[in-house]
Protein backbone atom coordinates (compact mmCIF):
# COMPACT_ATOMS: atom_id res chain seq x y z
CA UNK A 1 -25.88 -11.47 -12.53
CA UNK A 2 -29.28 -11.24 -10.80
CA UNK A 3 -31.02 -12.17 -14.06
CA UNK A 4 -28.93 -15.33 -14.34
CA UNK A 5 -29.79 -16.30 -10.76
CA UNK A 6 -33.51 -15.73 -11.34
CA UNK A 7 -33.43 -17.76 -14.56
CA UNK A 8 -31.66 -20.59 -12.74
CA UNK A 9 -34.17 -20.49 -9.88
CA UNK A 10 -37.11 -20.41 -12.30
CA UNK A 11 -35.78 -23.48 -14.11
CA UNK A 12 -35.20 -25.33 -10.85
CA UNK A 13 -38.68 -24.38 -9.64
CA UNK A 14 -40.23 -25.87 -12.79
CA UNK A 15 -38.40 -29.14 -12.27
CA UNK A 16 -39.24 -29.23 -8.58
CA UNK A 17 -42.88 -28.50 -9.42
CA UNK A 18 -43.04 -31.62 -11.57
CA UNK A 19 -41.34 -33.70 -8.87
CA UNK A 20 -43.84 -32.48 -6.27
CA UNK A 21 -46.51 -34.57 -8.03
CA UNK A 22 -44.81 -37.71 -6.70
CA UNK A 23 -44.31 -36.51 -3.10
CA UNK A 24 -46.55 -36.39 -0.06
CA UNK A 25 -47.58 -33.03 1.45
CA UNK A 26 -44.93 -33.34 4.19
CA UNK A 27 -42.21 -34.15 1.71
CA UNK A 28 -43.33 -31.24 -0.46
CA UNK A 29 -43.00 -28.87 2.51
CA UNK A 30 -39.48 -30.04 3.34
CA UNK A 31 -38.33 -29.75 -0.27
CA UNK A 32 -39.95 -26.33 -0.62
CA UNK A 33 -38.21 -25.08 2.54
CA UNK A 34 -34.88 -26.44 1.35
CA UNK A 35 -35.34 -24.80 -2.06
CA UNK A 36 -36.25 -21.47 -0.45
CA UNK A 37 -33.17 -21.54 1.82
CA UNK A 38 -30.99 -22.43 -1.16
CA UNK A 39 -32.47 -19.51 -3.08
CA UNK A 40 -31.74 -17.08 -0.21
CA UNK A 41 -28.18 -18.39 0.05
CA UNK A 42 -27.68 -17.88 -3.68
CA UNK A 43 -29.05 -14.34 -3.48
CA UNK A 44 -26.78 -13.53 -0.52
CA UNK A 45 -23.71 -14.83 -2.34
CA UNK A 46 -24.70 -12.88 -5.46
CA UNK A 47 -25.13 -9.64 -3.50
CA UNK A 48 -21.75 -10.10 -1.75
CA UNK A 49 -20.00 -10.76 -5.06
CA UNK A 50 -21.72 -7.76 -6.64
CA UNK A 51 -20.72 -5.41 -3.81
CA UNK A 52 -17.14 -6.74 -3.87
CA UNK A 53 -16.84 -6.22 -7.65
CA UNK A 54 -18.33 -2.73 -7.43
CA UNK A 55 -15.87 -1.69 -4.71
CA UNK A 56 -12.96 -3.27 -6.59
CA UNK A 57 -13.87 -1.57 -9.89
CA UNK A 58 -14.23 1.83 -8.23
CA UNK A 59 -10.98 1.40 -6.25
CA UNK A 60 -8.23 -0.47 -8.15
CA UNK A 61 -5.90 0.05 -5.17
CA UNK A 62 -6.63 -1.93 -2.00
CA UNK A 63 -6.14 1.21 0.09
CA UNK A 64 -5.75 4.97 -0.30
CA UNK A 65 -2.65 6.72 0.98
CA UNK A 66 -3.61 9.87 2.89
CA UNK A 67 -0.24 11.02 4.25
CA UNK A 68 3.27 9.61 4.34
CA UNK A 69 6.10 10.51 6.72
CA UNK A 70 9.48 9.27 5.46
CA UNK A 71 12.70 9.75 7.38
CA UNK A 72 16.35 8.71 7.41
CA UNK A 73 18.80 9.32 10.24
CA UNK A 74 22.48 8.54 10.66
CA UNK A 75 24.96 9.46 13.38
CA UNK A 76 28.16 8.30 11.70
CA UNK A 77 27.39 8.22 7.96
CA UNK A 78 27.52 4.40 7.95
CA UNK A 79 24.73 3.10 10.16
CA UNK A 80 21.26 4.52 9.69
CA UNK A 81 17.56 4.21 10.44
CA UNK A 82 15.01 4.49 7.65
CA UNK A 83 11.38 4.80 8.76
CA UNK A 84 8.02 5.29 7.09
CA UNK A 85 4.70 6.10 8.73
CA UNK A 86 1.68 6.06 6.42
CA UNK A 87 -1.91 6.96 7.21
CA UNK A 88 -4.10 4.86 4.92
CA UNK A 89 -7.81 4.35 4.24
CA UNK A 90 -9.06 0.86 3.41
CA UNK A 91 -10.79 0.42 0.05
CA UNK A 92 -11.72 -3.21 0.62
CA UNK A 93 -14.47 -4.69 2.82
CA UNK A 94 -11.73 -6.35 4.89
CA UNK A 95 -8.09 -5.28 4.74
CA UNK A 96 -5.75 -7.54 6.70
CA UNK A 97 -2.35 -7.02 5.07
CA UNK A 98 -0.54 -4.64 2.73
CA UNK A 99 2.68 -4.71 0.72
CA UNK A 100 5.21 -1.97 1.41
CA UNK A 101 7.72 -1.39 -1.41
CA UNK A 102 11.20 -0.08 -0.66
CA UNK A 103 14.73 -0.17 -2.07
CA UNK A 104 17.97 0.08 -0.09
CA UNK A 105 20.85 0.76 -2.46
CA UNK A 106 23.56 -0.54 -0.13
CA UNK A 107 25.22 -3.96 -0.36
CA UNK A 108 23.92 -5.37 2.92
CA UNK A 109 20.22 -6.18 3.31
CA UNK A 110 18.81 -4.05 6.16
CA UNK A 111 17.09 -5.41 9.25
CA UNK A 112 13.34 -4.91 8.74
CA UNK A 113 10.78 -4.42 11.52
CA UNK A 114 7.54 -2.64 12.41
CA UNK A 115 6.16 -1.34 15.69
CA UNK A 116 2.54 -1.49 14.53
CA UNK A 117 2.35 -4.50 12.18
CA UNK A 118 3.83 -7.98 11.89
CA UNK A 119 6.28 -8.77 9.09
CA UNK A 120 4.83 -11.73 7.20
CA UNK A 121 7.28 -11.92 4.31
CA UNK A 122 10.28 -10.05 2.91
CA UNK A 123 10.96 -10.28 -0.82
CA UNK A 124 14.32 -9.00 -2.08
CA UNK A 125 14.48 -8.46 -5.85
CA UNK A 126 17.16 -7.23 -8.27
CA UNK A 127 18.51 -3.68 -8.31
CA UNK A 128 15.99 -2.56 -10.96
CA UNK A 129 12.92 -3.46 -8.88
CA UNK A 130 11.55 -2.50 -5.50
CA UNK A 131 11.91 -4.94 -2.63
CA UNK A 132 8.68 -5.79 -0.82
CA UNK A 133 7.71 -6.31 2.80
CA UNK A 134 4.29 -7.81 3.53
CA UNK A 135 2.86 -6.21 6.67
CA UNK A 136 0.01 -7.91 8.54
CA UNK A 137 -2.34 -5.55 10.36
CA UNK A 138 -2.96 -6.56 13.98
CA UNK A 139 -6.44 -5.05 13.70
CA UNK A 140 -7.89 -5.44 10.17
CA UNK A 141 -9.51 -2.39 8.61
CA UNK A 142 -13.04 -2.39 7.25
CA UNK A 143 -14.11 -0.36 4.22
CA UNK A 144 -13.21 3.36 4.59
CA UNK A 145 -11.59 2.85 8.00
CA UNK A 146 -8.23 4.55 8.49
CA UNK A 147 -5.09 3.19 10.11
CA UNK A 148 -1.37 3.87 10.51
CA UNK A 149 1.30 1.74 8.86
CA UNK A 150 4.87 1.63 10.17
CA UNK A 151 7.97 0.33 8.43
CA UNK A 152 11.51 0.46 9.81
CA UNK A 153 14.86 -0.55 8.31
CA UNK A 154 18.21 -0.55 10.14
CA UNK A 155 20.83 0.05 7.46
CA UNK A 156 24.57 -0.57 7.31
CA UNK A 157 26.55 1.14 4.53
CA UNK A 158 29.87 -0.46 5.51
CA UNK A 159 31.32 -0.21 1.97
CA UNK A 160 30.00 3.30 1.25
CA UNK A 161 28.01 2.37 -1.88
CA UNK A 162 24.50 3.38 -0.77
CA UNK A 163 23.05 6.40 -2.59
CA UNK A 164 22.01 9.42 -0.51
CA UNK A 165 18.34 9.99 -1.35
CA UNK A 166 14.76 9.32 -0.32
CA UNK A 167 12.18 8.84 -3.03
CA UNK A 168 8.45 8.22 -3.29
CA UNK A 169 6.39 6.80 -6.15
CA UNK A 170 3.04 8.57 -6.55
CA UNK A 171 0.45 6.46 -8.37
CA UNK A 172 -2.71 7.67 -6.59
CA UNK A 173 -3.92 10.79 -4.79
CA UNK A 174 -2.09 11.58 -1.55
CA UNK A 175 -2.42 14.70 0.59
CA UNK A 176 1.10 15.09 2.01
CA UNK A 177 4.51 13.45 1.67
CA UNK A 178 6.90 14.50 4.42
CA UNK A 179 10.64 14.00 3.91
CA UNK A 180 13.06 14.31 6.82
CA UNK A 181 16.79 13.50 6.73
CA UNK A 182 18.95 13.88 9.85
CA UNK A 183 22.73 13.81 9.37
CA UNK A 184 24.30 13.95 12.83
CA UNK A 185 27.72 13.19 11.36
CA UNK A 186 27.95 16.57 9.61
CA UNK A 187 30.13 19.23 11.25
CA UNK A 188 29.04 22.76 12.18
CA UNK A 189 30.32 24.20 8.89
CA UNK A 190 28.21 21.99 6.63
CA UNK A 191 25.46 23.93 4.85
CA UNK A 192 24.90 22.34 1.43
CA UNK A 193 21.21 22.30 0.37
CA UNK A 194 19.44 19.10 -0.69
CA UNK A 195 17.85 18.83 -4.13
CA UNK A 196 14.21 18.12 -4.89
CA UNK A 197 13.88 15.99 -8.01
CA UNK A 198 11.14 14.26 -9.98
CA UNK A 199 10.68 12.15 -13.10
CA UNK A 200 7.76 10.56 -14.89
CA UNK A 201 6.96 6.94 -13.99
CA UNK A 202 5.86 6.08 -17.52
CA UNK A 203 8.06 7.28 -20.36
CA UNK A 204 8.81 6.12 -23.91
CA UNK A 205 12.52 6.65 -23.28
CA UNK A 206 14.57 6.36 -20.07
CA UNK A 207 13.90 9.63 -18.26
CA UNK A 208 16.30 11.51 -16.02
CA UNK A 209 15.33 13.22 -12.80
CA UNK A 210 14.63 16.95 -13.13
CA UNK A 211 15.26 19.36 -10.26
CA UNK A 212 12.25 21.45 -9.22
CA UNK A 213 13.50 22.89 -5.92
CA UNK A 214 15.93 22.71 -3.03
CA UNK A 215 15.84 22.36 0.75
CA UNK A 216 18.26 24.24 3.06
CA UNK A 217 20.20 22.37 5.73
CA UNK A 218 19.16 23.27 9.27
CA UNK A 219 22.44 23.41 11.18
CA UNK A 220 20.73 23.45 14.58
CA UNK A 221 18.90 20.12 14.07
CA UNK A 222 21.37 18.92 11.41
CA UNK A 223 18.52 17.95 9.14
CA UNK A 224 16.59 18.55 5.95
CA UNK A 225 12.82 18.71 6.11
CA UNK A 226 10.29 19.15 3.32
CA UNK A 227 6.51 18.82 2.96
CA UNK A 228 5.27 17.93 -0.51
CA UNK A 229 1.53 18.68 -0.62
CA UNK A 230 -0.89 17.26 -3.22
CA UNK A 231 1.85 15.93 -5.54
CA UNK A 232 0.99 15.28 -9.16
CA UNK A 233 0.21 11.64 -9.90
CA UNK A 234 2.53 9.69 -12.21
CA UNK A 235 5.92 10.80 -10.87
CA UNK A 236 8.79 9.65 -8.69
CA UNK A 237 9.69 12.38 -6.17
CA UNK A 238 13.14 12.43 -4.61
CA UNK A 239 15.04 14.31 -1.92
CA UNK A 240 18.78 13.98 -2.61
CA UNK A 241 21.64 15.25 -0.46
CA UNK A 242 25.43 15.27 -0.43
CA UNK A 243 26.87 12.18 1.23
């Protein structure tokens, strides 16, 4: 890229050199100053483009997920609150917005909000694809700066069709994924464990989830809680409980 710029400047300089023969000394000075400023501007633009491409090639994702705290809480088994807090690190010179993917399996679209960002757009897709909320950061992040993302959904499972699970798609390195499910509607005798499941994101045939663990129900807090540390990339991870 630099070689192309230098070749272009050298060609322009040759042409300008010939034109200088027809100008006065003052005119030559003005043209030379203009050409020099134009050259500096071209070099600056080239450097900025080069740095941007280098950062983009080294970091395909616009940001790195460091930790994620995902929770769901219901008091009656119908109405619930789904929340996600993510600590992220910007991998762009200037990060102003991010897309948060989610999927509510109930019939009624949840009410979406955020305490830390502004909701710019909500895109609801078919049942086979994630929905998307575009969150605008109130304070943009510069390269390698960290920040906290918040997403909240108020859910209403009035027809009892929503599926009882939380899942997370791991496509890049992440330190910790924290799952927490609070079921205040369960009575004091409920003690069924939740299942920990995973399946490959990419597969030649439709893959089923495979259980790799379980989480006991804490009767005192009426909740499940699990920390998944350094999960393997390329899998969906799911915490599934009895409705």
